[in-house]
Structures are given as C-alpha cells and as structure tokens.
Amino acid sequence: MSTQTPSGLALVLIVAGIILALTASIAALISGHRLLMAVAAVGFALQIAGWATHGRRHGGAA
C-alpha cells in the first residue's frame, strides 16, 4: 500500500487553509472579533477543497 501525498494545487489549498485557519482562529480568540471566526471558516473550507482535489485526483482513494 503506497501513501499518496498531496501535490500541486491540492497542496497549496491545504497549506493556505491551515495557515489562514490557524491565524484567524487564534486572532479571534485573542481579540474577540467574531468576523475573524468567519475568516477561519474560509480557511477550513480551503483545506476541505484541497483534500477533495487530492482525493479526486486519486480516484477517491486517498
């Protein structure tokens, strides 16, 4: 069984999502601004899009 790692656009979406989600959620926790939680949700959505792209590339088997 070989492990497939994300690459290309999928990797960019996943990493960008992680950075955005972590930064915005920590900033929201510190500052208390609810708008930053919406930004964090966009980061989480980017991660899902990246993993979906990766899964689609490999026929659904990640």
PDB file of N, CA and C in Angstrom:
ATOM      1  N   MET A   1       0.846  -1.173   0.000  1.00  0.00           N
ATOM      2  CA  MET A   1       0.000   0.000   0.000  1.00  0.00           C
ATOM      3  C   MET A   1       0.890   1.235   0.000  1.00  0.00           C
ATOM      4  N   SER A   2       0.731   2.058  -1.025  1.00  0.00           N
ATOM      5  CA  SER A   2       1.547   3.268  -1.090  1.00  0.00           C
ATOM      6  C   SER A   2       0.738   4.467  -0.599  1.00  0.00           C
ATOM      7  N   THR A   3       1.400   5.337   0.112  1.00  0.00           N
ATOM      8  CA  THR A   3       0.748   6.530   0.637  1.00  0.00           C
ATOM      9  C   THR A   3       0.947   7.662  -0.358  1.00  0.00           C
ATOM     10  N   GLN A   4      -0.162   8.232  -0.782  1.00  0.00           N
ATOM     11  CA  GLN A   4      -0.115   9.351  -1.721  1.00  0.00           C
ATOM     12  C   GLN A   4      -0.131  10.657  -0.928  1.00  0.00           C
ATOM     13  N   THR A   5       0.813  11.527  -1.196  1.00  0.00           N
ATOM     14  CA  THR A   5       0.828  12.828  -0.543  1.00  0.00           C
ATOM     15  C   THR A   5       0.321  13.883  -1.513  1.00  0.00           C
ATOM     16  N   PRO A   6      -0.377  14.895  -1.008  1.00  0.00           N
ATOM     17  CA  PRO A   6      -0.884  15.951  -1.885  1.00  0.00           C
ATOM     18  C   PRO A   6       0.254  16.701  -2.569  1.00  0.00           C
ATOM     19  N   SER A   7      -0.021  17.157  -3.776  1.00  0.00           N
ATOM     20  CA  SER A   7       0.961  17.959  -4.508  1.00  0.00           C
ATOM     21  C   SER A   7       0.217  18.956  -5.383  1.00  0.00           C
ATOM     22  N   GLY A   8       0.924  19.930  -5.884  1.00  0.00           N
ATOM     23  CA  GLY A   8       0.348  20.918  -6.784  1.00  0.00           C
ATOM     24  C   GLY A   8      -0.702  21.786  -6.128  1.00  0.00           C
ATOM     25  N   LEU A   9      -1.815  21.970  -6.835  1.00  0.00           N
ATOM     26  CA  LEU A   9      -2.890  22.831  -6.361  1.00  0.00           C
ATOM     27  C   LEU A   9      -3.478  22.320  -5.044  1.00  0.00           C
ATOM     28  N   ALA A  10      -3.617  21.012  -4.915  1.00  0.00           N
ATOM     29  CA  ALA A  10      -4.165  20.449  -3.673  1.00  0.00           C
ATOM     30  C   ALA A  10      -3.301  20.831  -2.482  1.00  0.00           C
ATOM     31  N   LEU A  11      -1.997  20.727  -2.623  1.00  0.00           N
ATOM     32  CA  LEU A  11      -1.082  21.078  -1.538  1.00  0.00           C
ATOM     33  C   LEU A  11      -1.162  22.564  -1.200  1.00  0.00           C
ATOM     34  N   VAL A  12      -1.249  23.409  -2.212  1.00  0.00           N
ATOM     35  CA  VAL A  12      -1.354  24.856  -1.992  1.00  0.00           C
ATOM     36  C   VAL A  12      -2.633  25.182  -1.225  1.00  0.00           C
ATOM     37  N   LEU A  13      -3.753  24.570  -1.618  1.00  0.00           N
ATOM     38  CA  LEU A  13      -5.022  24.825  -0.931  1.00  0.00           C
ATOM     39  C   LEU A  13      -4.976  24.359   0.518  1.00  0.00           C
ATOM     40  N   ILE A  14      -4.404  23.191   0.753  1.00  0.00           N
ATOM     41  CA  ILE A  14      -4.332  22.650   2.114  1.00  0.00           C
ATOM     42  C   ILE A  14      -3.464  23.525   3.008  1.00  0.00           C
ATOM     43  N   VAL A  15      -2.278  23.877   2.537  1.00  0.00           N
ATOM     44  CA  VAL A  15      -1.359  24.679   3.349  1.00  0.00           C
ATOM     45  C   VAL A  15      -1.912  26.086   3.572  1.00  0.00           C
ATOM     46  N   ALA A  16      -2.467  26.695   2.526  1.00  0.00           N
ATOM     47  CA  ALA A  16      -3.054  28.031   2.682  1.00  0.00           C
ATOM     48  C   ALA A  16      -4.221  27.995   3.666  1.00  0.00           C
ATOM     49  N   GLY A  17      -5.012  26.940   3.589  1.00  0.00           N
ATOM     50  CA  GLY A  17      -6.133  26.792   4.517  1.00  0.00           C
ATOM     51  C   GLY A  17      -5.679  26.642   5.951  1.00  0.00           C
ATOM     52  N   ILE A  18      -4.625  25.860   6.165  1.00  0.00           N
ATOM     53  CA  ILE A  18      -4.093  25.671   7.517  1.00  0.00           C
ATOM     54  C   ILE A  18      -3.590  26.998   8.084  1.00  0.00           C
ATOM     55  N   ILE A  19      -2.816  27.712   7.293  1.00  0.00           N
ATOM     56  CA  ILE A  19      -2.255  28.987   7.759  1.00  0.00           C
ATOM     57  C   ILE A  19      -3.365  29.988   8.057  1.00  0.00           C
ATOM     58  N   LEU A  20      -4.334  30.101   7.150  1.00  0.00           N
ATOM     59  CA  LEU A  20      -5.427  31.050   7.330  1.00  0.00           C
ATOM     60  C   LEU A  20      -6.296  30.676   8.538  1.00  0.00           C
ATOM     61  N   ALA A  21      -6.633  29.406   8.666  1.00  0.00           N
ATOM     62  CA  ALA A  21      -7.499  28.967   9.759  1.00  0.00           C
ATOM     63  C   ALA A  21      -6.822  29.156  11.115  1.00  0.00           C
ATOM     64  N   LEU A  22      -5.570  28.761  11.219  1.00  0.00           N
ATOM     65  CA  LEU A  22      -4.865  28.905  12.493  1.00  0.00           C
ATOM     66  C   LEU A  22      -4.687  30.369  12.876  1.00  0.00           C
ATOM     67  N   THR A  23      -4.255  31.174  11.937  1.00  0.00           N
ATOM     68  CA  THR A  23      -4.013  32.586  12.219  1.00  0.00           C
ATOM     69  C   THR A  23      -5.303  33.293  12.620  1.00  0.00           C
ATOM     70  N   ALA A  24      -6.365  33.072  11.852  1.00  0.00           N
ATOM     71  CA  ALA A  24      -7.623  33.764  12.132  1.00  0.00           C
ATOM     72  C   ALA A  24      -8.272  33.269  13.425  1.00  0.00           C
ATOM     73  N   SER A  25      -8.210  31.973  13.685  1.00  0.00           N
ATOM     74  CA  SER A  25      -8.853  31.480  14.909  1.00  0.00           C
ATOM     75  C   SER A  25      -8.098  31.934  16.159  1.00  0.00           C
ATOM     76  N   ILE A  26      -6.783  31.969  16.108  1.00  0.00           N
ATOM     77  CA  ILE A  26      -6.020  32.470  17.251  1.00  0.00           C
ATOM     78  C   ILE A  26      -6.259  33.963  17.442  1.00  0.00           C
ATOM     79  N   ALA A  27      -6.291  34.710  16.340  1.00  0.00           N
ATOM     80  CA  ALA A  27      -6.567  36.145  16.434  1.00  0.00           C
ATOM     81  C   ALA A  27      -7.971  36.394  16.978  1.00  0.00           C
ATOM     82  N   ALA A  28      -8.936  35.574  16.579  1.00  0.00           N
ATOM     83  CA  ALA A  28     -10.302  35.722  17.092  1.00  0.00           C
ATOM     84  C   ALA A  28     -10.359  35.415  18.580  1.00  0.00           C
ATOM     85  N   LEU A  29      -9.613  34.439  19.013  1.00  0.00           N
ATOM     86  CA  LEU A  29      -9.579  34.089  20.424  1.00  0.00           C
ATOM     87  C   LEU A  29      -8.976  35.224  21.255  1.00  0.00           C
ATOM     88  N   ILE A  30      -7.922  35.816  20.743  1.00  0.00           N
ATOM     89  CA  ILE A  30      -7.251  36.891  21.466  1.00  0.00           C
ATOM     90  C   ILE A  30      -8.068  38.177  21.457  1.00  0.00           C
ATOM     91  N   SER A  31      -8.601  38.538  20.292  1.00  0.00           N
ATOM     92  CA  SER A  31      -9.269  39.829  20.166  1.00  0.00           C
ATOM     93  C   SER A  31     -10.765  39.783  20.452  1.00  0.00           C
ATOM     94  N   GLY A  32     -11.389  38.638  20.262  1.00  0.00           N
ATOM     95  CA  GLY A  32     -12.824  38.527  20.486  1.00  0.00           C
ATOM     96  C   GLY A  32     -13.684  38.963  19.316  1.00  0.00           C
ATOM     97  N   HIS A  33     -13.088  39.240  18.156  1.00  0.00           N
ATOM     98  CA  HIS A  33     -13.852  39.641  16.969  1.00  0.00           C
ATOM     99  C   HIS A  33     -14.459  38.422  16.293  1.00  0.00           C
ATOM    100  N   ARG A  34     -15.777  38.446  16.125  1.00  0.00           N
ATOM    101  CA  ARG A  34     -16.468  37.321  15.503  1.00  0.00           C
ATOM    102  C   ARG A  34     -16.167  37.217  14.005  1.00  0.00           C
ATOM    103  N   LEU A  35     -15.862  38.329  13.366  1.00  0.00           N
ATOM    104  CA  LEU A  35     -15.565  38.306  11.937  1.00  0.00           C
ATOM    105  C   LEU A  35     -14.350  37.428  11.646  1.00  0.00           C
ATOM    106  N   LEU A  36     -13.403  37.384  12.551  1.00  0.00           N
ATOM    107  CA  LEU A  36     -12.221  36.557  12.346  1.00  0.00           C
ATOM    108  C   LEU A  36     -12.564  35.071  12.350  1.00  0.00           C
ATOM    109  N   MET A  37     -13.629  34.685  13.049  1.00  0.00           N
ATOM    110  CA  MET A  37     -14.053  33.285  13.011  1.00  0.00           C
ATOM    111  C   MET A  37     -14.602  32.932  11.630  1.00  0.00           C
ATOM    112  N   ALA A  38     -15.218  33.890  10.953  1.00  0.00           N
ATOM    113  CA  ALA A  38     -15.668  33.667   9.580  1.00  0.00           C
ATOM    114  C   ALA A  38     -14.477  33.481   8.648  1.00  0.00           C
ATOM    115  N   VAL A  39     -13.434  34.250   8.884  1.00  0.00           N
ATOM    116  CA  VAL A  39     -12.206  34.102   8.092  1.00  0.00           C
ATOM    117  C   VAL A  39     -11.590  32.730   8.350  1.00  0.00           C
ATOM    118  N   ALA A  40     -11.618  32.274   9.592  1.00  0.00           N
ATOM    119  CA  ALA A  40     -11.116  30.943   9.931  1.00  0.00           C
ATOM    120  C   ALA A  40     -11.938  29.873   9.218  1.00  0.00           C
ATOM    121  N   ALA A  41     -13.246  30.075   9.128  1.00  0.00           N
ATOM    122  CA  ALA A  41     -14.110  29.116   8.431  1.00  0.00           C
ATOM    123  C   ALA A  41     -13.737  29.020   6.956  1.00  0.00           C
ATOM    124  N   VAL A  42     -13.348  30.137   6.362  1.00  0.00           N
ATOM    125  CA  VAL A  42     -12.883  30.121   4.962  1.00  0.00           C
ATOM    126  C   VAL A  42     -11.602  29.291   4.862  1.00  0.00           C
ATOM    127  N   GLY A  43     -10.723  29.418   5.854  1.00  0.00           N
ATOM    128  CA  GLY A  43      -9.504  28.612   5.869  1.00  0.00           C
ATOM    129  C   GLY A  43      -9.808  27.126   5.962  1.00  0.00           C
ATOM    130  N   PHE A  44     -10.787  26.770   6.804  1.00  0.00           N
ATOM    131  CA  PHE A  44     -11.180  25.360   6.915  1.00  0.00           C
ATOM    132  C   PHE A  44     -11.774  24.865   5.597  1.00  0.00           C
ATOM    133  N   ALA A  45     -12.548  25.732   4.933  1.00  0.00           N
ATOM    134  CA  ALA A  45     -13.130  25.366   3.644  1.00  0.00           C
ATOM    135  C   ALA A  45     -12.037  25.154   2.587  1.00  0.00           C
ATOM    136  N   LEU A  46     -10.987  25.957   2.638  1.00  0.00           N
ATOM    137  CA  LEU A  46      -9.868  25.771   1.711  1.00  0.00           C
ATOM    138  C   LEU A  46      -9.205  24.408   1.922  1.00  0.00           C
ATOM    139  N   GLN A  47      -9.069  24.007   3.177  1.00  0.00           N
ATOM    140  CA  GLN A  47      -8.495  22.698   3.464  1.00  0.00           C
ATOM    141  C   GLN A  47      -9.360  21.589   2.883  1.00  0.00           C
ATOM    142  N   ILE A  48     -10.665  21.691   3.060  1.00  0.00           N
ATOM    143  CA  ILE A  48     -11.580  20.676   2.524  1.00  0.00           C
ATOM    144  C   ILE A  48     -11.480  20.630   1.005  1.00  0.00           C
ATOM    145  N   ALA A  49     -11.420  21.801   0.378  1.00  0.00           N
ATOM    146  CA  ALA A  49     -11.291  21.850  -1.084  1.00  0.00           C
ATOM    147  C   ALA A  49      -9.983  21.210  -1.537  1.00  0.00           C
ATOM    148  N   GLY A  50      -8.911  21.443  -0.792  1.00  0.00           N
ATOM    149  CA  GLY A  50      -7.623  20.840  -1.137  1.00  0.00           C
ATOM    150  C   GLY A  50      -7.646  19.329  -1.015  1.00  0.00           C
ATOM    151  N   TRP A  51      -8.231  18.818   0.077  1.00  0.00           N
ATOM    152  CA  TRP A  51      -8.305  17.364   0.244  1.00  0.00           C
ATOM    153  C   TRP A  51      -9.244  16.731  -0.773  1.00  0.00           C
ATOM    154  N   ALA A  52     -10.330  17.449  -1.145  1.00  0.00           N
ATOM    155  CA  ALA A  52     -11.229  16.945  -2.176  1.00  0.00           C
ATOM    156  C   ALA A  52     -10.525  16.875  -3.533  1.00  0.00           C
ATOM    157  N   THR A  53      -9.731  17.907  -3.831  1.00  0.00           N
ATOM    158  CA  THR A  53      -8.959  17.903  -5.068  1.00  0.00           C
ATOM    159  C   THR A  53      -7.966  16.755  -5.089  1.00  0.00           C
ATOM    160  N   HIS A  54      -7.322  16.540  -3.983  1.00  0.00           N
ATOM    161  CA  HIS A  54      -6.363  15.430  -3.876  1.00  0.00           C
ATOM    162  C   HIS A  54      -7.077  14.088  -4.041  1.00  0.00           C
ATOM    163  N   GLY A  55      -8.225  13.929  -3.391  1.00  0.00           N
ATOM    164  CA  GLY A  55      -8.977  12.676  -3.497  1.00  0.00           C
ATOM    165  C   GLY A  55      -9.495  12.433  -4.894  1.00  0.00           C
ATOM    166  N   ARG A  56      -9.946  13.487  -5.564  1.00  0.00           N
ATOM    167  CA  ARG A  56     -10.454  13.348  -6.930  1.00  0.00           C
ATOM    168  C   ARG A  56      -9.342  12.916  -7.886  1.00  0.00           C
ATOM    169  N   ARG A  57      -8.157  13.433  -7.644  1.00  0.00           N
ATOM    170  CA  ARG A  57      -7.015  13.097  -8.492  1.00  0.00           C
ATOM    171  C   ARG A  57      -6.646  11.611  -8.389  1.00  0.00           C
ATOM    172  N   HIS A  58      -6.903  11.030  -7.209  1.00  0.00           N
ATOM    173  CA  HIS A  58      -6.534   9.642  -6.980  1.00  0.00           C
ATOM    174  C   HIS A  58      -7.739   8.718  -6.955  1.00  0.00           C
ATOM    175  N   GLY A  59      -8.805   9.095  -7.625  1.00  0.00           N
ATOM    176  CA  GLY A  59      -9.965   8.243  -7.743  1.00  0.00           C
ATOM    177  C   GLY A  59     -10.720   8.029  -6.453  1.00  0.00           C
ATOM    178  N   GLY A  60     -10.639   8.958  -5.525  1.00  0.00           N
ATOM    179  CA  GLY A  60     -11.356   8.859  -4.277  1.00  0.00           C
ATOM    180  C   GLY A  60     -10.616   8.089  -3.195  1.00  0.00           C
ATOM    181  N   ALA A  61      -9.567   7.403  -3.547  1.00  0.00           N
ATOM    182  CA  ALA A  61      -8.789   6.645  -2.560  1.00  0.00           C
ATOM    183  C   ALA A  61      -7.578   7.466  -2.170  1.00  0.00           C
ATOM    184  N   ALA A  62      -7.624   8.023  -0.992  1.00  0.00           N
ATOM    185  CA  ALA A  62      -6.517   8.868  -0.556  1.00  0.00           C
ATOM    186  C   ALA A  62      -5.482   8.085   0.219  1.00  0.00           C
TER     187      ALA A  62
END
